[in-house]
Amino acid sequence: MFAVSGVMQIETGQGRWTVPPQRALWVPPQQPHAIQMLSCTEMRTVYFQPPLIEQCAGFIRRNEVHALVAAPLIKELVLGLFDLQRSQDMRYLMVQLLLHALGETGYLPIYLPMPSDARLRSTLIQLIADNSWFLPIAEVACLAAMSERTFTRHFTQEVGLSFRVWRQRARIIASLDLLASNHSVKSIAHTLGFMSPAAYSAAFREILGCAPTMFCETGQRRA
């Protein structure tokens, strides 16, 4: 799934992936998932026949959902496959090349793990939907009908992160939609409750490996 423009959110039983413009997500066969458009989005989806995936098994992480940077070659191949003037032989070669290219591109750490426990999961979904980043852990635990101690223990066991670390990651991933909508770093920092634009940029860099402005510029250069 390739986001030509806009931001997509893909959810599986394990977690959520927020896919900004000019990025893509690989979803293995037989993986149940749901797609939500977080902004005005144009996307392309390419389906691969299993035998073809088997042929290129050494080039892709075929059994794992993962996000990746859509390099210019990947973008042109994906868009080219929707050109009805191309012959079937040409499309077949393009698909093979696309699978090889996917195996060489970098991965994006835009995965947000989600718990399987229904109470925890519904509480986190509510926090994200309401943009409620300031609630103390005690109040979050109350929403999940748990004591703070029980919530903390179950959350860490299921998610593999502390709630504070997860919330920081969730805020950064939530900011991708705002970045794609051309909000300023200052306004995003204020909306998501960071003490300053510098604090937001530092947290963004720690999780995604670059500054927010650089992340946007990378997508624009590939557009």
Protein backbone atom coordinates (compact mmCIF):
# COMPACT_ATOMS: atom_id res chain seq x y z
CA MET A 1 0.00 0.00 0.00
CA PHE A 2 1.57 3.24 -1.21
CA ALA A 3 0.47 6.70 -0.05
CA VAL A 4 0.81 9.02 -3.05
CA SER A 5 -0.49 11.87 -0.89
CA GLY A 6 -2.18 12.16 2.48
CA VAL A 7 -1.82 9.89 5.51
CA MET A 8 -3.15 6.36 6.00
CA GLN A 9 -3.50 4.42 9.22
CA ILE A 10 -3.41 0.64 8.94
CA GLU A 11 -4.37 -1.50 11.91
CA THR A 12 -3.78 -5.21 12.46
CA GLY A 13 -4.25 -7.35 15.53
CA GLN A 14 -0.72 -6.46 16.65
CA GLY A 15 -0.69 -2.71 16.24
CA ARG A 16 -1.04 0.36 14.07
CA TRP A 17 1.08 1.83 11.30
CA THR A 18 0.71 5.46 10.28
CA VAL A 19 1.86 5.84 6.68
CA PRO A 20 2.69 9.42 5.56
CA PRO A 21 2.94 10.62 1.94
CA GLN A 22 5.54 8.92 -0.25
CA ARG A 23 5.83 6.01 2.16
CA ALA A 24 4.44 2.49 1.88
CA LEU A 25 3.42 -0.53 3.92
CA TRP A 26 3.99 -4.18 3.11
CA VAL A 27 1.19 -6.44 4.36
CA PRO A 28 1.75 -10.23 4.13
CA PRO A 29 -0.87 -12.56 2.66
CA GLN A 30 -3.72 -13.64 4.94
CA GLN A 31 -3.07 -10.73 7.33
CA PRO A 32 -6.38 -9.16 8.43
CA HIS A 33 -6.12 -5.39 8.44
CA ALA A 34 -8.19 -2.22 8.27
CA ILE A 35 -7.29 1.04 6.54
CA GLN A 36 -8.35 4.49 7.72
CA MET A 37 -7.63 7.69 5.81
CA LEU A 38 -6.50 10.37 8.25
CA SER A 39 -6.48 13.13 5.64
CA CYS A 40 -7.32 13.68 1.98
CA THR A 41 -5.43 10.66 0.66
CA GLU A 42 -4.51 9.23 -2.71
CA MET A 43 -3.16 5.68 -2.54
CA ARG A 44 -2.25 2.71 -4.72
CA THR A 45 -2.39 -0.95 -3.69
CA VAL A 46 -0.41 -3.64 -5.48
CA TYR A 47 -1.31 -7.31 -4.94
CA PHE A 48 1.33 -9.96 -5.58
CA GLN A 49 0.56 -13.56 -6.53
CA PRO A 50 2.08 -16.02 -3.99
CA PRO A 51 4.30 -17.81 -6.58
CA LEU A 52 5.93 -14.52 -7.49
CA ILE A 53 6.59 -13.71 -3.84
CA GLU A 54 8.18 -17.15 -3.43
CA GLN A 55 10.56 -16.40 -6.28
CA CYS A 56 11.73 -13.21 -4.56
CA ALA A 57 11.62 -14.53 -1.00
CA GLY A 58 15.25 -13.58 -0.40
CA PHE A 59 14.63 -9.93 -1.14
CA ILE A 60 11.71 -9.04 1.13
CA ARG A 61 10.53 -9.61 4.70
CA ARG A 62 7.44 -11.28 3.28
CA ASN A 63 5.92 -12.54 6.55
CA GLU A 64 6.12 -9.28 8.50
CA VAL A 65 4.06 -6.12 8.27
CA HIS A 66 6.55 -3.28 7.88
CA ALA A 67 6.66 0.29 6.65
CA LEU A 68 9.25 1.55 4.20
CA VAL A 69 10.47 4.60 2.36
CA ALA A 70 9.16 4.67 -1.20
CA ALA A 71 12.28 5.56 -3.18
CA PRO A 72 11.75 7.20 -6.61
CA LEU A 73 12.16 3.84 -8.36
CA ILE A 74 9.46 2.25 -6.18
CA LYS A 75 7.10 5.15 -6.79
CA GLU A 76 7.53 4.99 -10.56
CA LEU A 77 7.07 1.22 -10.64
CA VAL A 78 3.92 1.35 -8.52
CA LEU A 79 2.36 4.15 -10.55
CA GLY A 80 3.52 2.54 -13.81
CA LEU A 81 1.64 -0.66 -13.03
CA PHE A 82 -1.60 1.31 -13.27
CA ASP A 83 -0.77 2.51 -16.79
CA LEU A 84 -3.16 0.49 -18.95
CA GLN A 85 -1.04 1.09 -22.04
CA ARG A 86 1.75 -1.16 -20.77
CA SER A 87 1.83 -4.76 -21.99
CA GLN A 88 1.40 -7.74 -19.69
CA ASP A 89 5.02 -8.78 -20.30
CA MET A 90 6.23 -5.34 -19.26
CA ARG A 91 4.04 -5.37 -16.14
CA TYR A 92 5.42 -8.75 -15.14
CA LEU A 93 8.99 -7.44 -15.38
CA MET A 94 8.02 -4.32 -13.44
CA VAL A 95 6.50 -6.39 -10.64
CA GLN A 96 9.65 -8.48 -10.35
CA LEU A 97 11.79 -5.36 -10.22
CA LEU A 98 9.44 -3.82 -7.64
CA LEU A 99 9.87 -6.81 -5.32
CA HIS A 100 13.65 -6.53 -5.62
CA ALA A 101 13.49 -2.77 -4.95
CA LEU A 102 11.29 -3.29 -1.88
CA GLY A 103 13.96 -5.59 -0.45
CA GLU A 104 16.62 -2.88 -0.74
CA THR A 105 14.75 0.08 0.74
CA GLY A 106 14.97 1.29 4.32
CA TYR A 107 12.36 0.51 6.97
CA LEU A 108 10.45 3.12 8.95
CA PRO A 109 9.87 2.81 12.72
CA ILE A 110 6.26 4.01 12.54
CA TYR A 111 4.77 0.97 14.26
CA LEU A 112 2.68 1.48 17.37
CA PRO A 113 2.14 -1.76 19.33
CA MET A 114 -1.32 -2.34 20.73
CA PRO A 115 -2.41 -4.72 23.50
CA SER A 116 -4.75 -7.64 22.83
CA ASP A 117 -6.64 -7.16 26.11
CA ALA A 118 -9.99 -5.60 25.12
CA ARG A 119 -10.06 -3.15 28.06
CA LEU A 120 -6.55 -1.88 27.42
CA ARG A 121 -7.04 -1.69 23.67
CA SER A 122 -10.31 0.24 23.80
CA THR A 123 -8.81 2.66 26.32
CA LEU A 124 -5.80 3.40 24.14
CA ILE A 125 -7.96 3.83 21.05
CA GLN A 126 -10.05 6.34 22.99
CA LEU A 127 -6.95 8.24 24.13
CA ILE A 128 -5.68 8.51 20.56
CA ALA A 129 -9.08 9.51 19.16
CA ASP A 130 -9.62 12.17 21.85
CA ASN A 131 -6.03 13.42 21.71
CA SER A 132 -5.92 12.89 25.49
CA TRP A 133 -2.17 12.93 26.06
CA PHE A 134 -2.24 14.59 29.48
CA LEU A 135 -4.21 12.11 31.56
CA PRO A 136 -2.28 10.71 34.54
CA ILE A 137 -1.71 6.97 34.48
CA ALA A 138 -4.15 6.58 37.40
CA GLU A 139 -6.96 8.08 35.30
CA VAL A 140 -6.04 5.98 32.27
CA ALA A 141 -6.12 2.88 34.46
CA CYS A 142 -9.54 3.92 35.74
CA LEU A 143 -10.83 4.14 32.15
CA ALA A 144 -9.64 0.57 31.68
CA ALA A 145 -11.41 -0.48 34.90
CA MET A 146 -8.11 -1.44 36.51
CA SER A 147 -6.00 -0.31 39.42
CA GLU A 148 -2.91 1.66 38.45
CA ARG A 149 -0.66 -1.21 39.49
CA THR A 150 -2.64 -3.79 37.51
CA PHE A 151 -2.79 -1.50 34.47
CA THR A 152 0.95 -0.87 34.53
CA ARG A 153 1.78 -4.57 34.87
CA HIS A 154 -0.60 -5.77 32.16
CA PHE A 155 0.31 -2.95 29.79
CA THR A 156 4.04 -3.68 29.98
CA GLN A 157 3.48 -7.41 29.60
CA GLU A 158 1.31 -7.05 26.50
CA VAL A 159 2.93 -4.11 24.73
CA GLY A 160 6.56 -4.57 25.71
CA LEU A 161 6.89 -0.87 26.57
CA SER A 162 6.04 1.20 29.60
CA PHE A 163 2.94 3.35 29.21
CA ARG A 164 5.02 6.53 29.30
CA VAL A 165 7.27 5.30 26.49
CA TRP A 166 4.27 4.11 24.47
CA ARG A 167 2.49 7.44 24.91
CA GLN A 168 5.52 9.35 23.69
CA ARG A 169 5.73 7.13 20.63
CA ALA A 170 1.98 7.49 20.03
CA ARG A 171 2.25 11.28 20.13
CA ILE A 172 5.07 11.33 17.61
CA ILE A 173 3.23 9.00 15.24
CA ALA A 174 0.05 11.07 15.64
CA SER A 175 2.03 14.14 14.60
CA LEU A 176 2.67 12.67 11.13
CA ASP A 177 -0.87 13.48 10.06
CA LEU A 178 -0.41 17.08 11.21
CA LEU A 179 2.93 17.35 9.41
CA ALA A 180 1.36 16.06 6.21
CA SER A 181 -1.36 18.71 6.59
CA ASN A 182 1.33 21.43 6.65
CA HIS A 183 0.96 22.36 10.30
CA SER A 184 3.99 24.14 11.69
CA VAL A 185 6.33 22.43 14.15
CA LYS A 186 5.33 25.04 16.72
CA SER A 187 1.59 24.36 16.40
CA ILE A 188 2.12 20.58 16.46
CA ALA A 189 4.22 20.83 19.61
CA HIS A 190 1.46 22.87 21.26
CA THR A 191 -1.35 20.55 20.09
CA LEU A 192 0.39 17.42 21.34
CA GLY A 193 1.46 18.93 24.63
CA PHE A 194 5.22 19.23 24.23
CA MET A 195 6.91 21.91 26.30
CA SER A 196 8.43 23.55 23.22
CA PRO A 197 9.04 23.00 19.49
CA ALA A 198 12.59 21.95 20.39
CA ALA A 199 11.27 19.28 22.78
CA TYR A 200 8.96 17.93 20.05
CA SER A 201 11.76 17.92 17.49
CA ALA A 202 14.09 16.09 19.88
CA ALA A 203 11.46 13.42 20.60
CA PHE A 204 10.71 13.10 16.90
CA ARG A 205 14.40 12.65 16.09
CA GLU A 206 14.84 10.05 18.81
CA ILE A 207 12.02 7.88 17.43
CA LEU A 208 12.17 8.47 13.67
CA GLY A 209 15.83 9.31 13.27
CA CYS A 210 15.49 12.80 11.76
CA ALA A 211 13.96 16.20 12.43
CA PRO A 212 10.28 16.79 11.51
CA THR A 213 11.22 19.25 8.78
CA MET A 214 13.68 16.78 7.27
CA PHE A 215 11.03 14.04 7.33
CA CYS A 216 8.67 16.27 5.33
CA GLU A 217 11.38 17.41 2.91
CA THR A 218 12.31 13.79 2.17
CA GLY A 219 8.75 13.04 1.15
CA GLN A 220 8.53 16.20 -0.97
CA ARG A 221 11.75 15.38 -2.81
CA ARG A 222 10.38 11.97 -3.66
CA ALA A 223 7.04 13.37 -4.81
